[in-house]
Amino acid sequence: MFQAQTIAAASGDYDLFELDAAAGKPVEIVAVKLGNKSETGDAGEEMLEYAIVRGNTTTGNGTATTPRPLDPSDGAASFTAKTVSSTPASAGTAVTLVADTFNIRAGLPEIYPELMRPKTAEADLLCVRLITAVADDVTLSGTLWVREL
């Protein structure tokens, strides 16, 4: 999760979320939610392209984020996570699993059915990547719900 982070227009692609599964413990994305705080009027309207990408092996420069369980009786996550990388993950063979757009004013509320959840295991990173450079700086908040298998 990240709150009120500025996505700079000049920076191009961002990895909004990056997951690195622990050995023997694959992870899948259950849902993603992105909301916008700064683009509120008609003039702020823009469609942004995003993708969920698996296969990069070199991590980006985002902020290390501690995954938190929704159920307080669950144990700590084994995977590691980063948020808001202005230098996206690289190297390896990236494969796009999901490609779509969303209206920045409406946000992105995406829930994946069980058979359609993007997954990764061990050496391959799983990233929610903003592909479109924003027209001007925006302030976003986001939550990613993940299941460790």
C-alpha atoms as a PDB file:
ATOM      1  CA  MET A   1       0.000   0.000   0.000  1.00  0.00           C
ATOM      2  CA  PHE A   2       1.100   3.549  -0.577  1.00  0.00           C
ATOM      3  CA  GLN A   3      -0.593   6.830   0.335  1.00  0.00           C
ATOM      4  CA  ALA A   4      -0.520  10.198  -1.421  1.00  0.00           C
ATOM      5  CA  GLN A   5       2.620   9.606  -3.480  1.00  0.00           C
ATOM      6  CA  THR A   6       3.510  12.005  -6.288  1.00  0.00           C
ATOM      7  CA  ILE A   7       3.945  10.483  -9.728  1.00  0.00           C
ATOM      8  CA  ALA A   8       6.048  12.968 -11.692  1.00  0.00           C
ATOM      9  CA  ALA A   9       5.141  13.761 -15.286  1.00  0.00           C
ATOM     10  CA  ALA A  10       8.774  13.825 -16.363  1.00  0.00           C
ATOM     11  CA  SER A  11       9.560  10.346 -15.051  1.00  0.00           C
ATOM     12  CA  GLY A  12       7.723   8.103 -17.547  1.00  0.00           C
ATOM     13  CA  ASP A  13       7.058   4.497 -16.461  1.00  0.00           C
ATOM     14  CA  TYR A  14       6.614   3.607 -12.780  1.00  0.00           C
ATOM     15  CA  ASP A  15       6.301   0.283 -11.003  1.00  0.00           C
ATOM     16  CA  LEU A  16       3.506   1.129  -8.608  1.00  0.00           C
ATOM     17  CA  PHE A  17       3.880  -2.273  -6.938  1.00  0.00           C
ATOM     18  CA  GLU A  18       6.685  -4.841  -7.141  1.00  0.00           C
ATOM     19  CA  LEU A  19       6.500  -8.315  -5.577  1.00  0.00           C
ATOM     20  CA  ASP A  20       9.360 -10.759  -5.103  1.00  0.00           C
ATOM     21  CA  ALA A  21       8.130 -14.216  -4.069  1.00  0.00           C
ATOM     22  CA  ALA A  22      10.074 -16.236  -1.507  1.00  0.00           C
ATOM     23  CA  ALA A  23      11.566 -19.614  -2.499  1.00  0.00           C
ATOM     24  CA  GLY A  24       8.828 -22.232  -2.699  1.00  0.00           C
ATOM     25  CA  LYS A  25       6.048 -19.713  -1.951  1.00  0.00           C
ATOM     26  CA  PRO A  26       4.421 -18.311  -5.115  1.00  0.00           C
ATOM     27  CA  VAL A  27       2.238 -15.215  -4.858  1.00  0.00           C
ATOM     28  CA  GLU A  28      -0.815 -14.068  -6.797  1.00  0.00           C
ATOM     29  CA  ILE A  29      -2.530 -10.703  -7.107  1.00  0.00           C
ATOM     30  CA  VAL A  30      -6.112 -10.842  -5.850  1.00  0.00           C
ATOM     31  CA  ALA A  31      -7.027  -7.173  -6.358  1.00  0.00           C
ATOM     32  CA  VAL A  32      -5.565  -3.743  -7.035  1.00  0.00           C
ATOM     33  CA  LYS A  33      -7.032  -0.342  -6.199  1.00  0.00           C
ATOM     34  CA  LEU A  34      -5.619   3.005  -7.293  1.00  0.00           C
ATOM     35  CA  GLY A  35      -7.110   6.356  -6.368  1.00  0.00           C
ATOM     36  CA  ASN A  36      -6.254   9.892  -7.353  1.00  0.00           C
ATOM     37  CA  LYS A  37      -6.168  12.895  -5.057  1.00  0.00           C
ATOM     38  CA  SER A  38      -5.010  15.697  -7.318  1.00  0.00           C
ATOM     39  CA  GLU A  39      -6.762  15.432 -10.713  1.00  0.00           C
ATOM     40  CA  THR A  40     -10.298  16.483  -9.802  1.00  0.00           C
ATOM     41  CA  GLY A  41     -11.657  18.729 -12.562  1.00  0.00           C
ATOM     42  CA  ASP A  42     -12.504  18.045 -16.187  1.00  0.00           C
ATOM     43  CA  ALA A  43      -9.168  19.537 -17.227  1.00  0.00           C
ATOM     44  CA  GLY A  44      -7.403  16.792 -15.242  1.00  0.00           C
ATOM     45  CA  GLU A  45      -9.074  14.002 -17.230  1.00  0.00           C
ATOM     46  CA  GLU A  46      -6.637  11.500 -18.707  1.00  0.00           C
ATOM     47  CA  MET A  47      -6.563   7.803 -19.523  1.00  0.00           C
ATOM     48  CA  LEU A  48      -3.526   5.965 -18.176  1.00  0.00           C
ATOM     49  CA  GLU A  49      -2.165   2.685 -19.474  1.00  0.00           C
ATOM     50  CA  TYR A  50      -0.985   0.088 -16.980  1.00  0.00           C
ATOM     51  CA  ALA A  51       0.217  -3.502 -17.148  1.00  0.00           C
ATOM     52  CA  ILE A  52       0.923  -6.386 -14.816  1.00  0.00           C
ATOM     53  CA  VAL A  53       4.292  -7.767 -15.821  1.00  0.00           C
ATOM     54  CA  ARG A  54       6.142 -10.896 -14.706  1.00  0.00           C
ATOM     55  CA  GLY A  55       9.696 -11.930 -15.456  1.00  0.00           C
ATOM     56  CA  ASN A  56      12.015  -9.041 -14.620  1.00  0.00           C
ATOM     57  CA  THR A  57      14.856 -10.103 -12.354  1.00  0.00           C
ATOM     58  CA  THR A  58      16.483  -6.816 -11.298  1.00  0.00           C
ATOM     59  CA  THR A  59      14.460  -4.863  -8.761  1.00  0.00           C
ATOM     60  CA  GLY A  60      13.501  -1.191  -9.176  1.00  0.00           C
ATOM     61  CA  ASN A  61      14.266   1.747  -6.884  1.00  0.00           C
ATOM     62  CA  GLY A  62      10.962   1.849  -4.973  1.00  0.00           C
ATOM     63  CA  THR A  63      10.302   2.008  -1.262  1.00  0.00           C
ATOM     64  CA  ALA A  64      10.500  -1.299   0.612  1.00  0.00           C
ATOM     65  CA  THR A  65       7.029  -1.972   2.003  1.00  0.00           C
ATOM     66  CA  THR A  66       6.096  -4.462   4.715  1.00  0.00           C
ATOM     67  CA  PRO A  67       3.082  -6.541   3.609  1.00  0.00           C
ATOM     68  CA  ARG A  68       0.350  -6.562   6.268  1.00  0.00           C
ATOM     69  CA  PRO A  69      -2.202  -9.374   6.686  1.00  0.00           C
ATOM     70  CA  LEU A  70      -5.912  -8.522   6.638  1.00  0.00           C
ATOM     71  CA  ASP A  71      -6.489 -11.265   9.217  1.00  0.00           C
ATOM     72  CA  PRO A  72      -4.512 -10.455  12.385  1.00  0.00           C
ATOM     73  CA  SER A  73      -4.086 -14.194  13.092  1.00  0.00           C
ATOM     74  CA  ASP A  74      -2.179 -14.739   9.818  1.00  0.00           C
ATOM     75  CA  GLY A  75       1.601 -14.984   9.943  1.00  0.00           C
ATOM     76  CA  ALA A  76       4.045 -12.570   8.348  1.00  0.00           C
ATOM     77  CA  ALA A  77       4.439 -12.658   4.570  1.00  0.00           C
ATOM     78  CA  SER A  78       7.460 -14.444   3.119  1.00  0.00           C
ATOM     79  CA  PHE A  79       7.617 -12.298  -0.033  1.00  0.00           C
ATOM     80  CA  THR A  80       9.114  -8.823  -0.277  1.00  0.00           C
ATOM     81  CA  ALA A  81       7.407  -5.790  -1.775  1.00  0.00           C
ATOM     82  CA  LYS A  82       8.271  -2.327  -3.043  1.00  0.00           C
ATOM     83  CA  THR A  83       6.051   0.577  -4.020  1.00  0.00           C
ATOM     84  CA  VAL A  84       6.358   3.551  -6.389  1.00  0.00           C
ATOM     85  CA  SER A  85       9.572   2.801  -8.284  1.00  0.00           C
ATOM     86  CA  SER A  86      10.410   5.593 -10.718  1.00  0.00           C
ATOM     87  CA  THR A  87      13.004   3.213 -12.162  1.00  0.00           C
ATOM     88  CA  PRO A  88      11.019   0.059 -12.974  1.00  0.00           C
ATOM     89  CA  ALA A  89      12.316  -3.479 -12.539  1.00  0.00           C
ATOM     90  CA  SER A  90      14.484  -4.603 -15.446  1.00  0.00           C
ATOM     91  CA  ALA A  91      16.582  -7.468 -16.882  1.00  0.00           C
ATOM     92  CA  GLY A  92      15.145 -10.924 -17.407  1.00  0.00           C
ATOM     93  CA  THR A  93      12.343 -11.678 -19.855  1.00  0.00           C
ATOM     94  CA  ALA A  94       9.306  -9.565 -19.031  1.00  0.00           C
ATOM     95  CA  VAL A  95       5.916 -10.995 -19.989  1.00  0.00           C
ATOM     96  CA  THR A  96       2.798  -8.813 -19.891  1.00  0.00           C
ATOM     97  CA  LEU A  97      -0.028 -10.693 -18.151  1.00  0.00           C
ATOM     98  CA  VAL A  98      -2.570  -7.857 -18.051  1.00  0.00           C
ATOM     99  CA  ALA A  99      -2.704  -4.706 -20.197  1.00  0.00           C
ATOM    100  CA  ASP A 100      -5.441  -2.109 -19.752  1.00  0.00           C
ATOM    101  CA  THR A 101      -6.215   1.557 -19.175  1.00  0.00           C
ATOM    102  CA  PHE A 102      -8.056   3.482 -16.482  1.00  0.00           C
ATOM    103  CA  ASN A 103      -9.492   6.965 -16.127  1.00  0.00           C
ATOM    104  CA  ILE A 104      -7.386   8.820 -13.588  1.00  0.00           C
ATOM    105  CA  ARG A 105     -10.401  10.617 -12.119  1.00  0.00           C
ATOM    106  CA  ALA A 106     -12.354   7.370 -11.677  1.00  0.00           C
ATOM    107  CA  GLY A 107      -9.444   5.344 -10.303  1.00  0.00           C
ATOM    108  CA  LEU A 108      -8.796   1.642 -10.743  1.00  0.00           C
ATOM    109  CA  PRO A 109     -10.812  -0.898  -8.749  1.00  0.00           C
ATOM    110  CA  GLU A 110      -9.753  -4.296 -10.154  1.00  0.00           C
ATOM    111  CA  ILE A 111     -10.614  -7.667  -8.576  1.00  0.00           C
ATOM    112  CA  TYR A 112      -9.312 -10.801 -10.298  1.00  0.00           C
ATOM    113  CA  PRO A 113     -11.329 -14.032 -10.318  1.00  0.00           C
ATOM    114  CA  GLU A 114      -9.376 -17.000  -8.972  1.00  0.00           C
ATOM    115  CA  LEU A 115      -8.472 -18.486 -12.374  1.00  0.00           C
ATOM    116  CA  MET A 116      -7.351 -15.108 -13.768  1.00  0.00           C
ATOM    117  CA  ARG A 117      -5.016 -13.948 -11.006  1.00  0.00           C
ATOM    118  CA  PRO A 118      -1.525 -12.941 -12.125  1.00  0.00           C
ATOM    119  CA  LYS A 119       1.030 -15.158 -10.370  1.00  0.00           C
ATOM    120  CA  THR A 120       4.779 -15.423  -9.927  1.00  0.00           C
ATOM    121  CA  ALA A 121       7.275 -17.660  -8.191  1.00  0.00           C
ATOM    122  CA  GLU A 122      10.840 -17.273  -6.933  1.00  0.00           C
ATOM    123  CA  ALA A 123      13.216 -15.441  -9.292  1.00  0.00           C
ATOM    124  CA  ASP A 124      10.626 -13.574 -11.404  1.00  0.00           C
ATOM    125  CA  LEU A 125       9.319 -10.254 -10.095  1.00  0.00           C
ATOM    126  CA  LEU A 126       5.610  -9.423 -10.471  1.00  0.00           C
ATOM    127  CA  CYS A 127       4.958  -5.716 -11.072  1.00  0.00           C
ATOM    128  CA  VAL A 128       1.948  -3.440 -11.527  1.00  0.00           C
ATOM    129  CA  ARG A 129       3.447  -0.951 -13.963  1.00  0.00           C
ATOM    130  CA  LEU A 130       2.193   2.443 -15.050  1.00  0.00           C
ATOM    131  CA  ILE A 131       3.070   2.528 -18.758  1.00  0.00           C
ATOM    132  CA  THR A 132       1.821   5.998 -19.695  1.00  0.00           C
ATOM    133  CA  ALA A 133       3.694   9.064 -18.524  1.00  0.00           C
ATOM    134  CA  VAL A 134       1.176  11.309 -16.762  1.00  0.00           C
ATOM    135  CA  ALA A 135       0.427  14.675 -18.402  1.00  0.00           C
ATOM    136  CA  ASP A 136       1.252  16.529 -15.192  1.00  0.00           C
ATOM    137  CA  ASP A 137       2.273  15.485 -11.680  1.00  0.00           C
ATOM    138  CA  VAL A 138      -0.446  13.448  -9.933  1.00  0.00           C
ATOM    139  CA  THR A 139      -0.926  12.273  -6.358  1.00  0.00           C
ATOM    140  CA  LEU A 140      -2.009   8.638  -6.120  1.00  0.00           C
ATOM    141  CA  SER A 141      -2.761   6.186  -3.357  1.00  0.00           C
ATOM    142  CA  GLY A 142      -2.927   2.452  -3.936  1.00  0.00           C
ATOM    143  CA  THR A 143      -3.527  -0.909  -2.331  1.00  0.00           C
ATOM    144  CA  LEU A 144      -2.582  -4.335  -3.662  1.00  0.00           C
ATOM    145  CA  TRP A 145      -4.161  -7.447  -2.184  1.00  0.00           C
ATOM    146  CA  VAL A 146      -1.887 -10.462  -2.536  1.00  0.00           C
ATOM    147  CA  ARG A 147      -2.253 -14.125  -1.669  1.00  0.00           C
ATOM    148  CA  GLU A 148       0.793 -16.196  -0.820  1.00  0.00           C
ATOM    149  CA  LEU A 149       0.334 -19.756  -2.043  1.00  0.00           C
END
